[in-house]
Amino acid sequence: MLFNKRMIPGGMGQAVAHCLKFDAADPNPGIFFINGSETRVEIVGRNKGTELMFLIPNLEPGQYALEVRSIFGQEIRSGRLDTLLTV
């Protein structure tokens, strides 16, 4: 759950933008929380071009960047939320 830039592990998260859809079976693209190390989101409920709904993984308290990676042709492209999120 994303609320006021705060996340609750085990809650639902949502990302809305363009070109978000990715192959969940491929380990390279996906949704990642980054704070020095990367944690890939394992449970994605909605994987559409303009919306992702996902279960926020168990993360240690701290600030995280949210990054979405998709494959276009042969290359991985990524987009990152401008604001850091807090657990």
N, C-alpha and C. Protein backbone atom coordinates (compact mmCIF):
# COMPACT_ATOMS: atom_id res chain seq x y z
N MET A 1 0.85 -1.17 0.00
CA MET A 1 0.00 0.00 0.00
C MET A 1 0.90 1.23 0.00
N LEU A 2 0.70 2.11 -0.95
CA LEU A 2 1.43 3.36 -1.00
C LEU A 2 0.50 4.45 -0.53
N PHE A 3 0.89 5.14 0.51
CA PHE A 3 0.04 6.20 1.03
C PHE A 3 0.93 7.30 1.55
N ASN A 4 0.86 8.46 0.92
CA ASN A 4 1.66 9.58 1.38
C ASN A 4 3.15 9.24 1.39
N LYS A 5 3.59 8.53 0.37
CA LYS A 5 4.99 8.11 0.20
C LYS A 5 5.42 7.07 1.22
N ARG A 6 4.49 6.51 1.97
CA ARG A 6 4.82 5.46 2.94
C ARG A 6 4.29 4.13 2.42
N MET A 7 5.07 3.09 2.63
CA MET A 7 4.68 1.75 2.19
C MET A 7 4.52 0.85 3.40
N ILE A 8 3.61 -0.07 3.29
CA ILE A 8 3.40 -1.07 4.33
C ILE A 8 3.68 -2.43 3.71
N PRO A 9 4.76 -3.13 4.13
CA PRO A 9 5.03 -4.45 3.59
C PRO A 9 3.81 -5.36 3.74
N GLY A 10 3.51 -6.09 2.68
CA GLY A 10 2.34 -6.95 2.66
C GLY A 10 1.10 -6.25 2.14
N GLY A 11 1.18 -4.93 1.97
CA GLY A 11 0.08 -4.16 1.39
C GLY A 11 0.17 -4.17 -0.13
N MET A 12 -0.81 -3.57 -0.77
CA MET A 12 -0.82 -3.49 -2.22
C MET A 12 -0.22 -2.17 -2.67
N GLY A 13 0.54 -2.24 -3.77
CA GLY A 13 1.10 -1.05 -4.40
C GLY A 13 0.54 -0.92 -5.79
N GLN A 14 0.57 0.29 -6.31
CA GLN A 14 0.06 0.56 -7.65
C GLN A 14 1.00 1.54 -8.35
N ALA A 15 1.29 1.25 -9.61
CA ALA A 15 2.05 2.17 -10.45
C ALA A 15 1.21 2.43 -11.70
N VAL A 16 1.06 3.70 -12.05
CA VAL A 16 0.30 4.09 -13.23
C VAL A 16 1.19 4.96 -14.10
N ALA A 17 1.41 4.54 -15.34
CA ALA A 17 2.24 5.27 -16.29
C ALA A 17 2.03 4.63 -17.66
N HIS A 18 3.00 4.77 -18.56
CA HIS A 18 2.92 4.17 -19.89
C HIS A 18 4.02 3.13 -20.05
N CYS A 19 3.75 2.12 -20.86
CA CYS A 19 4.74 1.08 -21.20
C CYS A 19 5.26 0.34 -19.97
N LEU A 20 4.36 -0.04 -19.08
CA LEU A 20 4.76 -0.71 -17.84
C LEU A 20 4.81 -2.23 -17.95
N LYS A 21 4.03 -2.82 -18.85
CA LYS A 21 3.89 -4.27 -18.89
C LYS A 21 5.24 -4.95 -19.12
N PHE A 22 5.44 -6.08 -18.42
CA PHE A 22 6.67 -6.84 -18.56
C PHE A 22 6.36 -8.33 -18.44
N ASP A 23 7.32 -9.15 -18.84
CA ASP A 23 7.18 -10.60 -18.73
C ASP A 23 7.59 -11.02 -17.32
N ALA A 24 6.63 -11.38 -16.51
CA ALA A 24 6.90 -11.72 -15.10
C ALA A 24 7.74 -12.98 -14.95
N ALA A 25 7.77 -13.84 -15.98
CA ALA A 25 8.57 -15.07 -15.91
C ALA A 25 10.05 -14.79 -16.15
N ASP A 26 10.38 -13.67 -16.77
CA ASP A 26 11.77 -13.28 -17.04
C ASP A 26 12.30 -12.56 -15.80
N PRO A 27 13.45 -12.97 -15.24
CA PRO A 27 13.95 -12.34 -14.01
C PRO A 27 14.55 -10.95 -14.20
N ASN A 28 14.80 -10.52 -15.43
CA ASN A 28 15.44 -9.23 -15.67
C ASN A 28 14.49 -8.04 -15.60
N PRO A 29 13.35 -8.08 -16.29
CA PRO A 29 12.40 -6.98 -16.11
C PRO A 29 11.58 -7.19 -14.84
N GLY A 30 10.84 -6.16 -14.45
CA GLY A 30 9.99 -6.30 -13.27
C GLY A 30 9.91 -5.02 -12.48
N ILE A 31 9.40 -5.16 -11.26
CA ILE A 31 9.27 -4.04 -10.32
C ILE A 31 10.31 -4.26 -9.23
N PHE A 32 11.10 -3.23 -8.94
CA PHE A 32 12.19 -3.35 -7.98
C PHE A 32 12.13 -2.22 -6.96
N PHE A 33 12.41 -2.56 -5.71
CA PHE A 33 12.62 -1.58 -4.66
C PHE A 33 14.13 -1.55 -4.40
N ILE A 34 14.72 -0.35 -4.44
CA ILE A 34 16.17 -0.22 -4.38
C ILE A 34 16.56 0.73 -3.24
N ASN A 35 17.46 0.24 -2.39
CA ASN A 35 18.04 1.09 -1.33
C ASN A 35 19.47 0.63 -1.06
N GLY A 36 20.26 0.54 -2.08
CA GLY A 36 21.60 -0.04 -1.99
C GLY A 36 21.59 -1.45 -2.54
N SER A 37 20.63 -2.24 -2.14
CA SER A 37 20.40 -3.55 -2.75
C SER A 37 19.03 -3.51 -3.43
N GLU A 38 18.78 -4.49 -4.28
CA GLU A 38 17.51 -4.55 -5.01
C GLU A 38 16.64 -5.67 -4.48
N THR A 39 15.36 -5.38 -4.34
CA THR A 39 14.36 -6.39 -3.99
C THR A 39 13.33 -6.40 -5.10
N ARG A 40 13.20 -7.54 -5.78
CA ARG A 40 12.24 -7.67 -6.88
C ARG A 40 10.88 -8.06 -6.32
N VAL A 41 9.84 -7.43 -6.82
CA VAL A 41 8.47 -7.79 -6.45
C VAL A 41 8.16 -9.15 -7.06
N GLU A 42 7.71 -10.07 -6.24
CA GLU A 42 7.42 -11.43 -6.71
C GLU A 42 5.95 -11.65 -7.06
N ILE A 43 5.05 -10.89 -6.43
CA ILE A 43 3.62 -11.10 -6.67
C ILE A 43 3.04 -9.87 -7.34
N VAL A 44 2.65 -10.06 -8.61
CA VAL A 44 2.05 -8.98 -9.40
C VAL A 44 0.64 -9.42 -9.76
N GLY A 45 -0.34 -8.64 -9.33
CA GLY A 45 -1.74 -8.98 -9.58
C GLY A 45 -2.27 -8.43 -10.89
N ARG A 46 -1.77 -7.28 -11.29
CA ARG A 46 -2.20 -6.65 -12.54
C ARG A 46 -0.95 -6.18 -13.26
N ASN A 47 -0.78 -6.65 -14.50
CA ASN A 47 0.41 -6.34 -15.29
C ASN A 47 -0.06 -5.85 -16.66
N LYS A 48 -0.44 -4.59 -16.71
CA LYS A 48 -0.97 -3.99 -17.93
C LYS A 48 -0.02 -2.89 -18.40
N GLY A 49 -0.21 -2.44 -19.62
CA GLY A 49 0.65 -1.40 -20.18
C GLY A 49 0.62 -0.09 -19.42
N THR A 50 -0.51 0.22 -18.80
CA THR A 50 -0.63 1.50 -18.09
C THR A 50 -0.83 1.36 -16.59
N GLU A 51 -0.86 0.13 -16.07
CA GLU A 51 -1.07 -0.04 -14.63
C GLU A 51 -0.45 -1.34 -14.13
N LEU A 52 0.22 -1.24 -13.00
CA LEU A 52 0.73 -2.41 -12.28
C LEU A 52 0.14 -2.39 -10.88
N MET A 53 -0.35 -3.53 -10.43
CA MET A 53 -0.80 -3.71 -9.04
C MET A 53 0.04 -4.85 -8.49
N PHE A 54 0.59 -4.66 -7.30
CA PHE A 54 1.53 -5.64 -6.79
C PHE A 54 1.53 -5.66 -5.27
N LEU A 55 2.01 -6.77 -4.73
CA LEU A 55 2.15 -6.93 -3.28
C LEU A 55 3.52 -6.38 -2.88
N ILE A 56 3.53 -5.44 -1.94
CA ILE A 56 4.78 -4.87 -1.46
C ILE A 56 5.51 -5.93 -0.64
N PRO A 57 6.76 -6.24 -1.03
CA PRO A 57 7.49 -7.30 -0.32
C PRO A 57 7.89 -6.87 1.09
N ASN A 58 8.35 -7.84 1.87
CA ASN A 58 8.86 -7.53 3.21
C ASN A 58 10.18 -6.80 3.06
N LEU A 59 10.19 -5.54 3.44
CA LEU A 59 11.37 -4.69 3.32
C LEU A 59 11.75 -4.18 4.70
N GLU A 60 13.04 -3.99 4.91
CA GLU A 60 13.52 -3.39 6.14
C GLU A 60 13.12 -1.92 6.16
N PRO A 61 12.92 -1.32 7.33
CA PRO A 61 12.60 0.10 7.39
C PRO A 61 13.69 0.93 6.70
N GLY A 62 13.25 1.95 5.98
CA GLY A 62 14.19 2.82 5.27
C GLY A 62 13.52 3.47 4.08
N GLN A 63 14.32 4.12 3.25
CA GLN A 63 13.81 4.77 2.05
C GLN A 63 14.21 3.95 0.83
N TYR A 64 13.29 3.87 -0.13
CA TYR A 64 13.48 3.04 -1.32
C TYR A 64 13.09 3.80 -2.57
N ALA A 65 13.84 3.55 -3.64
CA ALA A 65 13.45 4.00 -4.97
C ALA A 65 12.61 2.88 -5.57
N LEU A 66 11.58 3.24 -6.32
CA LEU A 66 10.74 2.27 -7.03
C LEU A 66 11.12 2.34 -8.50
N GLU A 67 11.52 1.20 -9.07
CA GLU A 67 11.94 1.16 -10.47
C GLU A 67 11.20 0.05 -11.19
N VAL A 68 10.72 0.34 -12.41
CA VAL A 68 10.06 -0.65 -13.26
C VAL A 68 10.93 -0.85 -14.49
N ARG A 69 11.20 -2.11 -14.82
CA ARG A 69 12.03 -2.44 -15.99
C ARG A 69 11.21 -3.29 -16.95
N SER A 70 11.29 -2.93 -18.23
CA SER A 70 10.61 -3.67 -19.30
C SER A 70 11.59 -3.90 -20.43
N ILE A 71 11.32 -4.90 -21.25
CA ILE A 71 12.17 -5.17 -22.40
C ILE A 71 11.49 -4.64 -23.65
N PHE A 72 12.23 -3.84 -24.41
CA PHE A 72 11.79 -3.33 -25.70
C PHE A 72 12.80 -3.80 -26.73
N GLY A 73 12.37 -4.69 -27.63
CA GLY A 73 13.31 -5.27 -28.58
C GLY A 73 14.30 -6.14 -27.82
N GLN A 74 15.57 -5.80 -27.90
CA GLN A 74 16.61 -6.57 -27.23
C GLN A 74 17.15 -5.89 -25.97
N GLU A 75 16.64 -4.70 -25.64
CA GLU A 75 17.21 -3.98 -24.50
C GLU A 75 16.21 -3.78 -23.37
N ILE A 76 16.75 -3.67 -22.17
CA ILE A 76 15.93 -3.39 -21.00
C ILE A 76 15.88 -1.89 -20.80
N ARG A 77 14.68 -1.38 -20.64
CA ARG A 77 14.49 0.04 -20.33
C ARG A 77 13.88 0.14 -18.95
N SER A 78 14.24 1.20 -18.24
CA SER A 78 13.72 1.34 -16.88
C SER A 78 13.21 2.75 -16.64
N GLY A 79 12.30 2.84 -15.71
CA GLY A 79 11.78 4.12 -15.25
C GLY A 79 11.75 4.09 -13.74
N ARG A 80 12.07 5.21 -13.14
CA ARG A 80 12.15 5.28 -11.68
C ARG A 80 11.26 6.41 -11.18
N LEU A 81 10.53 6.13 -10.11
CA LEU A 81 9.71 7.15 -9.45
C LEU A 81 10.63 8.25 -8.94
N ASP A 82 10.24 9.51 -9.15
CA ASP A 82 11.07 10.65 -8.76
C ASP A 82 11.23 10.77 -7.24
N THR A 83 10.26 10.28 -6.50
CA THR A 83 10.24 10.44 -5.05
C THR A 83 10.64 9.13 -4.37
N LEU A 84 11.43 9.22 -3.31
CA LEU A 84 11.74 8.03 -2.52
C LEU A 84 10.54 7.66 -1.66
N LEU A 85 10.35 6.37 -1.47
CA LEU A 85 9.25 5.85 -0.65
C LEU A 85 9.81 5.33 0.66
N THR A 86 9.04 5.43 1.72
CA THR A 86 9.50 5.07 3.06
C THR A 86 8.72 3.89 3.61
N VAL A 87 9.45 2.94 4.18
CA VAL A 87 8.84 1.81 4.91
C VAL A 87 8.91 2.16 6.38
